[in-house]
Amino acid sequence: MSSHGVLQLANILRSERATKVSIKVIEVFVKMREVITDTLRIHLDIEIIKKKIENQDKNIELVFSYLDELMEIKDNSKPRKPVGFKQSGQ
């Protein structure tokens, strides 16, 4: 039974109790619709986040690879001759 069916039933049944019950049922349908919409929105947000972080592991590995290369170059480099002005007598 949909919320429309409940509304139609409320029009047929004229008692105060029937009216209160039909109002509560309609409120429940509205709340269920809100929960379903919120759940769908959360699910879509989670999918967006998953797509954003999907390649993070690869990017982090690449950064560490570059850092390893830089450390290797630094360890294998020859000491450089200092550059700059030298005062005489030193």
PDB file of N, CA and C in Angstrom:
ATOM      1  N   MET A   1       0.849  -1.174   0.000  1.00  0.00           N
ATOM      2  CA  MET A   1       0.000   0.000   0.000  1.00  0.00           C
ATOM      3  C   MET A   1       0.893   1.236   0.000  1.00  0.00           C
ATOM      4  N   SER A   2       0.597   2.159  -0.854  1.00  0.00           N
ATOM      5  CA  SER A   2       1.399   3.380  -0.942  1.00  0.00           C
ATOM      6  C   SER A   2       0.794   4.468  -0.065  1.00  0.00           C
ATOM      7  N   SER A   3       1.495   5.569   0.046  1.00  0.00           N
ATOM      8  CA  SER A   3       0.959   6.676   0.835  1.00  0.00           C
ATOM      9  C   SER A   3      -0.319   7.224   0.208  1.00  0.00           C
ATOM     10  N   HIS A   4      -0.445   7.104  -1.110  1.00  0.00           N
ATOM     11  CA  HIS A   4      -1.666   7.552  -1.788  1.00  0.00           C
ATOM     12  C   HIS A   4      -2.844   6.673  -1.384  1.00  0.00           C
ATOM     13  N   GLY A   5      -2.587   5.364  -1.280  1.00  0.00           N
ATOM     14  CA  GLY A   5      -3.634   4.444  -0.855  1.00  0.00           C
ATOM     15  C   GLY A   5      -4.089   4.734   0.558  1.00  0.00           C
ATOM     16  N   VAL A   6      -3.174   5.087   1.422  1.00  0.00           N
ATOM     17  CA  VAL A   6      -3.523   5.431   2.801  1.00  0.00           C
ATOM     18  C   VAL A   6      -4.377   6.686   2.822  1.00  0.00           C
ATOM     19  N   LEU A   7      -4.021   7.651   1.997  1.00  0.00           N
ATOM     20  CA  LEU A   7      -4.791   8.883   1.924  1.00  0.00           C
ATOM     21  C   LEU A   7      -6.209   8.613   1.433  1.00  0.00           C
ATOM     22  N   GLN A   8      -6.338   7.746   0.431  1.00  0.00           N
ATOM     23  CA  GLN A   8      -7.666   7.384  -0.068  1.00  0.00           C
ATOM     24  C   GLN A   8      -8.467   6.659   1.000  1.00  0.00           C
ATOM     25  N   LEU A   9      -7.823   5.770   1.747  1.00  0.00           N
ATOM     26  CA  LEU A   9      -8.495   5.043   2.818  1.00  0.00           C
ATOM     27  C   LEU A   9      -8.970   6.012   3.897  1.00  0.00           C
ATOM     28  N   ALA A  10      -8.166   7.022   4.203  1.00  0.00           N
ATOM     29  CA  ALA A  10      -8.546   8.006   5.214  1.00  0.00           C
ATOM     30  C   ALA A  10      -9.779   8.782   4.785  1.00  0.00           C
ATOM     31  N   ASN A  11      -9.949   8.994   3.485  1.00  0.00           N
ATOM     32  CA  ASN A  11     -11.128   9.698   2.988  1.00  0.00           C
ATOM     33  C   ASN A  11     -12.379   8.849   3.143  1.00  0.00           C
ATOM     34  N   ILE A  12     -12.225   7.524   3.077  1.00  0.00           N
ATOM     35  CA  ILE A  12     -13.372   6.621   3.209  1.00  0.00           C
ATOM     36  C   ILE A  12     -13.726   6.426   4.685  1.00  0.00           C
ATOM     37  N   LEU A  13     -12.719   6.154   5.485  1.00  0.00           N
ATOM     38  CA  LEU A  13     -12.948   5.938   6.915  1.00  0.00           C
ATOM     39  C   LEU A  13     -12.941   7.287   7.616  1.00  0.00           C
ATOM     40  N   ARG A  14     -14.042   7.629   8.251  1.00  0.00           N
ATOM     41  CA  ARG A  14     -14.210   8.965   8.802  1.00  0.00           C
ATOM     42  C   ARG A  14     -13.969   9.044  10.316  1.00  0.00           C
ATOM     43  N   SER A  15     -13.626   7.952  10.931  1.00  0.00           N
ATOM     44  CA  SER A  15     -13.469   8.004  12.383  1.00  0.00           C
ATOM     45  C   SER A  15     -12.187   8.762  12.738  1.00  0.00           C
ATOM     46  N   GLU A  16     -12.164   9.276  13.956  1.00  0.00           N
ATOM     47  CA  GLU A  16     -10.995  10.022  14.418  1.00  0.00           C
ATOM     48  C   GLU A  16      -9.769   9.121  14.487  1.00  0.00           C
ATOM     49  N   ARG A  17      -9.975   7.900  14.922  1.00  0.00           N
ATOM     50  CA  ARG A  17      -8.873   6.942  15.041  1.00  0.00           C
ATOM     51  C   ARG A  17      -8.297   6.606  13.663  1.00  0.00           C
ATOM     52  N   ALA A  18      -9.172   6.396  12.682  1.00  0.00           N
ATOM     53  CA  ALA A  18      -8.703   6.094  11.327  1.00  0.00           C
ATOM     54  C   ALA A  18      -7.897   7.252  10.773  1.00  0.00           C
ATOM     55  N   THR A  19      -8.323   8.452  11.041  1.00  0.00           N
ATOM     56  CA  THR A  19      -7.617   9.637  10.564  1.00  0.00           C
ATOM     57  C   THR A  19      -6.228   9.724  11.203  1.00  0.00           C
ATOM     58  N   LYS A  20      -6.155   9.498  12.532  1.00  0.00           N
ATOM     59  CA  LYS A  20      -4.862   9.548  13.219  1.00  0.00           C
ATOM     60  C   LYS A  20      -3.914   8.472  12.701  1.00  0.00           C
ATOM     61  N   VAL A  21      -4.444   7.263  12.497  1.00  0.00           N
ATOM     62  CA  VAL A  21      -3.610   6.163  12.004  1.00  0.00           C
ATOM     63  C   VAL A  21      -3.114   6.467  10.599  1.00  0.00           C
ATOM     64  N   SER A  22      -3.988   6.973   9.749  1.00  0.00           N
ATOM     65  CA  SER A  22      -3.563   7.276   8.381  1.00  0.00           C
ATOM     66  C   SER A  22      -2.516   8.381   8.356  1.00  0.00           C
ATOM     67  N   ILE A  23      -2.636   9.366   9.249  1.00  0.00           N
ATOM     68  CA  ILE A  23      -1.625  10.432   9.328  1.00  0.00           C
ATOM     69  C   ILE A  23      -0.290   9.846   9.754  1.00  0.00           C
ATOM     70  N   LYS A  24      -0.312   8.968  10.748  1.00  0.00           N
ATOM     71  CA  LYS A  24       0.929   8.324  11.191  1.00  0.00           C
ATOM     72  C   LYS A  24       1.553   7.493  10.073  1.00  0.00           C
ATOM     73  N   VAL A  25       0.726   6.766   9.330  1.00  0.00           N
ATOM     74  CA  VAL A  25       1.249   5.942   8.237  1.00  0.00           C
ATOM     75  C   VAL A  25       1.895   6.827   7.176  1.00  0.00           C
ATOM     76  N   ILE A  26       1.253   7.936   6.862  1.00  0.00           N
ATOM     77  CA  ILE A  26       1.823   8.857   5.864  1.00  0.00           C
ATOM     78  C   ILE A  26       3.147   9.430   6.388  1.00  0.00           C
ATOM     79  N   GLU A  27       3.205   9.766   7.675  1.00  0.00           N
ATOM     80  CA  GLU A  27       4.457  10.266   8.255  1.00  0.00           C
ATOM     81  C   GLU A  27       5.568   9.226   8.154  1.00  0.00           C
ATOM     82  N   VAL A  28       5.191   7.956   8.371  1.00  0.00           N
ATOM     83  CA  VAL A  28       6.181   6.878   8.257  1.00  0.00           C
ATOM     84  C   VAL A  28       6.678   6.772   6.821  1.00  0.00           C
ATOM     85  N   PHE A  29       5.763   6.858   5.844  1.00  0.00           N
ATOM     86  CA  PHE A  29       6.178   6.810   4.439  1.00  0.00           C
ATOM     87  C   PHE A  29       7.130   7.962   4.113  1.00  0.00           C
ATOM     88  N   VAL A  30       6.837   9.145   4.597  1.00  0.00           N
ATOM     89  CA  VAL A  30       7.693  10.306   4.348  1.00  0.00           C
ATOM     90  C   VAL A  30       9.063  10.083   4.969  1.00  0.00           C
ATOM     91  N   LYS A  31       9.087   9.588   6.209  1.00  0.00           N
ATOM     92  CA  LYS A  31      10.360   9.333   6.888  1.00  0.00           C
ATOM     93  C   LYS A  31      11.157   8.258   6.160  1.00  0.00           C
ATOM     94  N   MET A  32      10.479   7.202   5.700  1.00  0.00           N
ATOM     95  CA  MET A  32      11.174   6.143   4.951  1.00  0.00           C
ATOM     96  C   MET A  32      11.785   6.703   3.672  1.00  0.00           C
ATOM     97  N   ARG A  33      11.060   7.569   2.993  1.00  0.00           N
ATOM     98  CA  ARG A  33      11.580   8.182   1.766  1.00  0.00           C
ATOM     99  C   ARG A  33      12.817   9.014   2.069  1.00  0.00           C
ATOM    100  N   GLU A  34      12.789   9.766   3.178  1.00  0.00           N
ATOM    101  CA  GLU A  34      13.946  10.569   3.579  1.00  0.00           C
ATOM    102  C   GLU A  34      15.153   9.684   3.888  1.00  0.00           C
ATOM    103  N   VAL A  35      14.918   8.588   4.611  1.00  0.00           N
ATOM    104  CA  VAL A  35      16.009   7.679   4.972  1.00  0.00           C
ATOM    105  C   VAL A  35      16.612   7.056   3.713  1.00  0.00           C
ATOM    106  N   ILE A  36      15.762   6.643   2.790  1.00  0.00           N
ATOM    107  CA  ILE A  36      16.258   6.039   1.541  1.00  0.00           C
ATOM    108  C   ILE A  36      17.063   7.060   0.751  1.00  0.00           C
ATOM    109  N   THR A  37      16.585   8.292   0.686  1.00  0.00           N
ATOM    110  CA  THR A  37      17.305   9.345  -0.036  1.00  0.00           C
ATOM    111  C   THR A  37      18.650   9.629   0.624  1.00  0.00           C
ATOM    112  N   ASP A  38      18.647   9.731   1.960  1.00  0.00           N
ATOM    113  CA  ASP A  38      19.904   9.972   2.677  1.00  0.00           C
ATOM    114  C   ASP A  38      20.882   8.827   2.473  1.00  0.00           C
ATOM    115  N   THR A  39      20.373   7.596   2.521  1.00  0.00           N
ATOM    116  CA  THR A  39      21.224   6.427   2.338  1.00  0.00           C
ATOM    117  C   THR A  39      21.841   6.423   0.936  1.00  0.00           C
ATOM    118  N   LEU A  40      21.051   6.753  -0.056  1.00  0.00           N
ATOM    119  CA  LEU A  40      21.561   6.816  -1.425  1.00  0.00           C
ATOM    120  C   LEU A  40      22.627   7.901  -1.547  1.00  0.00           C
ATOM    121  N   ARG A  41      22.374   9.047  -0.924  1.00  0.00           N
ATOM    122  CA  ARG A  41      23.331  10.156  -0.968  1.00  0.00           C
ATOM    123  C   ARG A  41      24.651   9.747  -0.296  1.00  0.00           C
ATOM    124  N   ILE A  42      24.561   9.071   0.835  1.00  0.00           N
ATOM    125  CA  ILE A  42      25.767   8.603   1.530  1.00  0.00           C
ATOM    126  C   ILE A  42      26.520   7.602   0.670  1.00  0.00           C
ATOM    127  N   HIS A  43      25.781   6.697   0.030  1.00  0.00           N
ATOM    128  CA  HIS A  43      26.415   5.698  -0.831  1.00  0.00           C
ATOM    129  C   HIS A  43      27.158   6.373  -1.990  1.00  0.00           C
ATOM    130  N   LEU A  44      26.539   7.366  -2.596  1.00  0.00           N
ATOM    131  CA  LEU A  44      27.186   8.091  -3.692  1.00  0.00           C
ATOM    132  C   LEU A  44      28.430   8.841  -3.200  1.00  0.00           C
ATOM    133  N   ASP A  45      28.345   9.448  -2.016  1.00  0.00           N
ATOM    134  CA  ASP A  45      29.506  10.139  -1.448  1.00  0.00           C
ATOM    135  C   ASP A  45      30.652   9.159  -1.203  1.00  0.00           C
ATOM    136  N   ILE A  46      30.330   7.974  -0.701  1.00  0.00           N
ATOM    137  CA  ILE A  46      31.358   6.958  -0.456  1.00  0.00           C
ATOM    138  C   ILE A  46      32.012   6.544  -1.769  1.00  0.00           C
ATOM    139  N   GLU A  47      31.249   6.387  -2.818  1.00  0.00           N
ATOM    140  CA  GLU A  47      31.814   6.022  -4.124  1.00  0.00           C
ATOM    141  C   GLU A  47      32.742   7.119  -4.640  1.00  0.00           C
ATOM    142  N   ILE A  48      32.370   8.374  -4.437  1.00  0.00           N
ATOM    143  CA  ILE A  48      33.226   9.492  -4.861  1.00  0.00           C
ATOM    144  C   ILE A  48      34.543   9.454  -4.099  1.00  0.00           C
ATOM    145  N   ILE A  49      34.479   9.219  -2.798  1.00  0.00           N
ATOM    146  CA  ILE A  49      35.693   9.139  -1.974  1.00  0.00           C
ATOM    147  C   ILE A  49      36.555   7.966  -2.420  1.00  0.00           C
ATOM    148  N   LYS A  50      35.937   6.828  -2.702  1.00  0.00           N
ATOM    149  CA  LYS A  50      36.693   5.654  -3.164  1.00  0.00           C
ATOM    150  C   LYS A  50      37.455   5.972  -4.444  1.00  0.00           C
ATOM    151  N   LYS A  51      36.802   6.669  -5.372  1.00  0.00           N
ATOM    152  CA  LYS A  51      37.470   7.014  -6.629  1.00  0.00           C
ATOM    153  C   LYS A  51      38.646   7.959  -6.392  1.00  0.00           C
ATOM    154  N   LYS A  52      38.485   8.883  -5.430  1.00  0.00           N
ATOM    155  CA  LYS A  52      39.565   9.842  -5.156  1.00  0.00           C
ATOM    156  C   LYS A  52      40.778   9.163  -4.539  1.00  0.00           C
ATOM    157  N   ILE A  53      40.573   8.179  -3.685  1.00  0.00           N
ATOM    158  CA  ILE A  53      41.711   7.557  -2.996  1.00  0.00           C
ATOM    159  C   ILE A  53      42.196   6.287  -3.685  1.00  0.00           C
ATOM    160  N   GLU A  54      41.569   5.942  -4.790  1.00  0.00           N
ATOM    161  CA  GLU A  54      41.904   4.703  -5.496  1.00  0.00           C
ATOM    162  C   GLU A  54      43.381   4.622  -5.861  1.00  0.00           C
ATOM    163  N   ASN A  55      43.955   5.705  -6.322  1.00  0.00           N
ATOM    164  CA  ASN A  55      45.342   5.699  -6.790  1.00  0.00           C
ATOM    165  C   ASN A  55      46.338   6.206  -5.750  1.00  0.00           C
ATOM    166  N   GLN A  56      45.885   6.453  -4.545  1.00  0.00           N
ATOM    167  CA  GLN A  56      46.781   7.005  -3.535  1.00  0.00           C
ATOM    168  C   GLN A  56      47.941   6.067  -3.207  1.00  0.00           C
ATOM    169  N   ASP A  57      47.676   4.759  -3.133  1.00  0.00           N
ATOM    170  CA  ASP A  57      48.751   3.805  -2.853  1.00  0.00           C
ATOM    171  C   ASP A  57      49.844   3.891  -3.914  1.00  0.00           C
ATOM    172  N   LYS A  58      49.434   3.961  -5.169  1.00  0.00           N
ATOM    173  CA  LYS A  58      50.406   4.055  -6.263  1.00  0.00           C
ATOM    174  C   LYS A  58      51.197   5.355  -6.173  1.00  0.00           C
ATOM    175  N   ASN A  59      50.504   6.444  -5.849  1.00  0.00           N
ATOM    176  CA  ASN A  59      51.179   7.738  -5.740  1.00  0.00           C
ATOM    177  C   ASN A  59      52.185   7.744  -4.591  1.00  0.00           C
ATOM    178  N   ILE A  60      51.822   7.158  -3.470  1.00  0.00           N
ATOM    179  CA  ILE A  60      52.734   7.098  -2.324  1.00  0.00           C
ATOM    180  C   ILE A  60      53.951   6.247  -2.664  1.00  0.00           C
ATOM    181  N   GLU A  61      53.738   5.122  -3.326  1.00  0.00           N
ATOM    182  CA  GLU A  61      54.863   4.276  -3.740  1.00  0.00           C
ATOM    183  C   GLU A  61      55.793   5.040  -4.673  1.00  0.00           C
ATOM    184  N   LEU A  62      55.225   5.823  -5.582  1.00  0.00           N
ATOM    185  CA  LEU A  62      56.021   6.606  -6.516  1.00  0.00           C
ATOM    186  C   LEU A  62      56.857   7.655  -5.776  1.00  0.00           C
ATOM    187  N   VAL A  63      56.269   8.308  -4.786  1.00  0.00           N
ATOM    188  CA  VAL A  63      56.999   9.308  -4.003  1.00  0.00           C
ATOM    189  C   VAL A  63      58.183   8.656  -3.285  1.00  0.00           C
ATOM    190  N   PHE A  64      57.944   7.495  -2.653  1.00  0.00           N
ATOM    191  CA  PHE A  64      59.037   6.808  -1.960  1.00  0.00           C
ATOM    192  C   PHE A  64      60.108   6.332  -2.937  1.00  0.00           C
ATOM    193  N   SER A  65      59.699   5.940  -4.121  1.00  0.00           N
ATOM    194  CA  SER A  65      60.665   5.529  -5.135  1.00  0.00           C
ATOM    195  C   SER A  65      61.563   6.710  -5.516  1.00  0.00           C
ATOM    196  N   TYR A  66      60.961   7.875  -5.719  1.00  0.00           N
ATOM    197  CA  TYR A  66      61.737   9.071  -6.041  1.00  0.00           C
ATOM    198  C   TYR A  66      62.666   9.448  -4.886  1.00  0.00           C
ATOM    199  N   LEU A  67      62.170   9.332  -3.661  1.00  0.00           N
ATOM    200  CA  LEU A  67      63.007   9.636  -2.504  1.00  0.00           C
ATOM    201  C   LEU A  67      64.191   8.677  -2.422  1.00  0.00           C
ATOM    202  N   ASP A  68      63.955   7.397  -2.687  1.00  0.00           N
ATOM    203  CA  ASP A  68      65.051   6.421  -2.696  1.00  0.00           C
ATOM    204  C   ASP A  68      66.094   6.779  -3.748  1.00  0.00           C
ATOM    205  N   GLU A  69      65.635   7.186  -4.934  1.00  0.00           N
ATOM    206  CA  GLU A  69      66.552   7.578  -6.008  1.00  0.00           C
ATOM    207  C   GLU A  69      67.385   8.794  -5.590  1.00  0.00           C
ATOM    208  N   LEU A  70      66.727   9.773  -4.970  1.00  0.00           N
ATOM    209  CA  LEU A  70      67.452  10.964  -4.535  1.00  0.00           C
ATOM    210  C   LEU A  70      68.481  10.634  -3.458  1.00  0.00           C
ATOM    211  N   MET A  71      68.121   9.764  -2.525  1.00  0.00           N
ATOM    212  CA  MET A  71      69.061   9.363  -1.475  1.00  0.00           C
ATOM    213  C   MET A  71      70.247   8.611  -2.087  1.00  0.00           C
ATOM    214  N   GLU A  72      69.994   7.774  -3.084  1.00  0.00           N
ATOM    215  CA  GLU A  72      71.057   7.018  -3.743  1.00  0.00           C
ATOM    216  C   GLU A  72      71.995   7.967  -4.487  1.00  0.00           C
ATOM    217  N   ILE A  73      71.450   8.954  -5.162  1.00  0.00           N
ATOM    218  CA  ILE A  73      72.268   9.936  -5.881  1.00  0.00           C
ATOM    219  C   ILE A  73      73.122  10.717  -4.881  1.00  0.00           C
ATOM    220  N   LYS A  74      72.529  11.108  -3.757  1.00  0.00           N
ATOM    221  CA  LYS A  74      73.265  11.875  -2.749  1.00  0.00           C
ATOM    222  C   LYS A  74      74.398  11.038  -2.155  1.00  0.00           C
ATOM    223  N   ASP A  75      74.150   9.760  -1.887  1.00  0.00           N
ATOM    224  CA  ASP A  75      75.175   8.888  -1.309  1.00  0.00           C
ATOM    225  C   ASP A  75      76.319   8.635  -2.279  1.00  0.00           C
ATOM    226  N   ASN A  76      76.038   8.609  -3.559  1.00  0.00           N
ATOM    227  CA  ASN A  76      77.050   8.290  -4.567  1.00  0.00           C
ATOM    228  C   ASN A  76      77.743   9.525  -5.138  1.00  0.00           C
ATOM    229  N   SER A  77      77.336  10.694  -4.734  1.00  0.00           N
ATOM    230  CA  SER A  77      77.937  11.898  -5.310  1.00  0.00           C
ATOM    231  C   SER A  77      79.280  12.192  -4.638  1.00  0.00           C
ATOM    232  N   LYS A  78      80.151  12.837  -5.414  1.00  0.00           N
ATOM    233  CA  LYS A  78      81.480  13.221  -4.920  1.00  0.00           C
ATOM    234  C   LYS A  78      81.346  14.535  -4.171  1.00  0.00           C
ATOM    235  N   PRO A  79      82.175  14.724  -3.150  1.00  0.00           N
ATOM    236  CA  PRO A  79      82.122  16.014  -2.444  1.00  0.00           C
ATOM    237  C   PRO A  79      82.457  17.153  -3.402  1.00  0.00           C
ATOM    238  N   ARG A  80      81.713  18.203  -3.293  1.00  0.00           N
ATOM    239  CA  ARG A  80      81.920  19.343  -4.190  1.00  0.00           C
ATOM    240  C   ARG A  80      82.887  20.332  -3.573  1.00  0.00           C
ATOM    241  N   LYS A  81      83.622  20.992  -4.442  1.00  0.00           N
ATOM    242  CA  LYS A  81      84.553  22.028  -4.013  1.00  0.00           C
ATOM    243  C   LYS A  81      83.726  23.245  -3.599  1.00  0.00           C
ATOM    244  N   PRO A  82      84.016  23.809  -2.430  1.00  0.00           N
ATOM    245  CA  PRO A  82      83.250  24.972  -1.980  1.00  0.00           C
ATOM    246  C   PRO A  82      83.395  26.127  -2.961  1.00  0.00           C
ATOM    247  N   VAL A  83      82.323  26.835  -3.130  1.00  0.00           N
ATOM    248  CA  VAL A  83      82.296  27.974  -4.036  1.00  0.00           C
ATOM    249  C   VAL A  83      82.160  29.247  -3.200  1.00  0.00           C
ATOM    250  N   GLY A  84      82.877  30.283  -3.599  1.00  0.00           N
ATOM    251  CA  GLY A  84      82.733  31.543  -2.887  1.00  0.00           C
ATOM    252  C   GLY A  84      84.051  32.272  -2.784  1.00  0.00           C
ATOM    253  N   PHE A  85      84.053  33.368  -2.130  1.00  0.00           N
ATOM    254  CA  PHE A  85      85.226  34.219  -1.974  1.00  0.00           C
ATOM    255  C   PHE A  85      86.107  33.673  -0.863  1.00  0.00           C
ATOM    256  N   LYS A  86      87.408  33.630  -1.145  1.00  0.00           N
ATOM    257  CA  LYS A  86      88.382  33.193  -0.151  1.00  0.00           C
ATOM    258  C   LYS A  86      89.267  34.371   0.203  1.00  0.00           C
ATOM    259  N   GLN A  87      89.448  34.594   1.453  1.00  0.00           N
ATOM    260  CA  GLN A  87      90.345  35.662   1.869  1.00  0.00           C
ATOM    261  C   GLN A  87      91.784  35.131   1.809  1.00  0.00           C
ATOM    262  N   SER A  88      92.667  35.986   1.447  1.00  0.00           N
ATOM    263  CA  SER A  88      94.067  35.535   1.390  1.00  0.00           C
ATOM    264  C   SER A  88      94.597  35.346   2.794  1.00  0.00           C
ATOM    265  N   GLY A  89      95.461  34.413   2.951  1.00  0.00           N
ATOM    266  CA  GLY A  89      96.064  34.119   4.245  1.00  0.00           C
ATOM    267  C   GLY A  89      95.302  33.047   5.003  1.00  0.00           C
ATOM    268  N   GLN A  90      94.360  32.448   4.425  1.00  0.00           N
ATOM    269  CA  GLN A  90      93.662  31.357   5.111  1.00  0.00           C
ATOM    270  C   GLN A  90      93.931  30.052   4.473  1.00  0.00           C
TER     271      GLN A  90
END
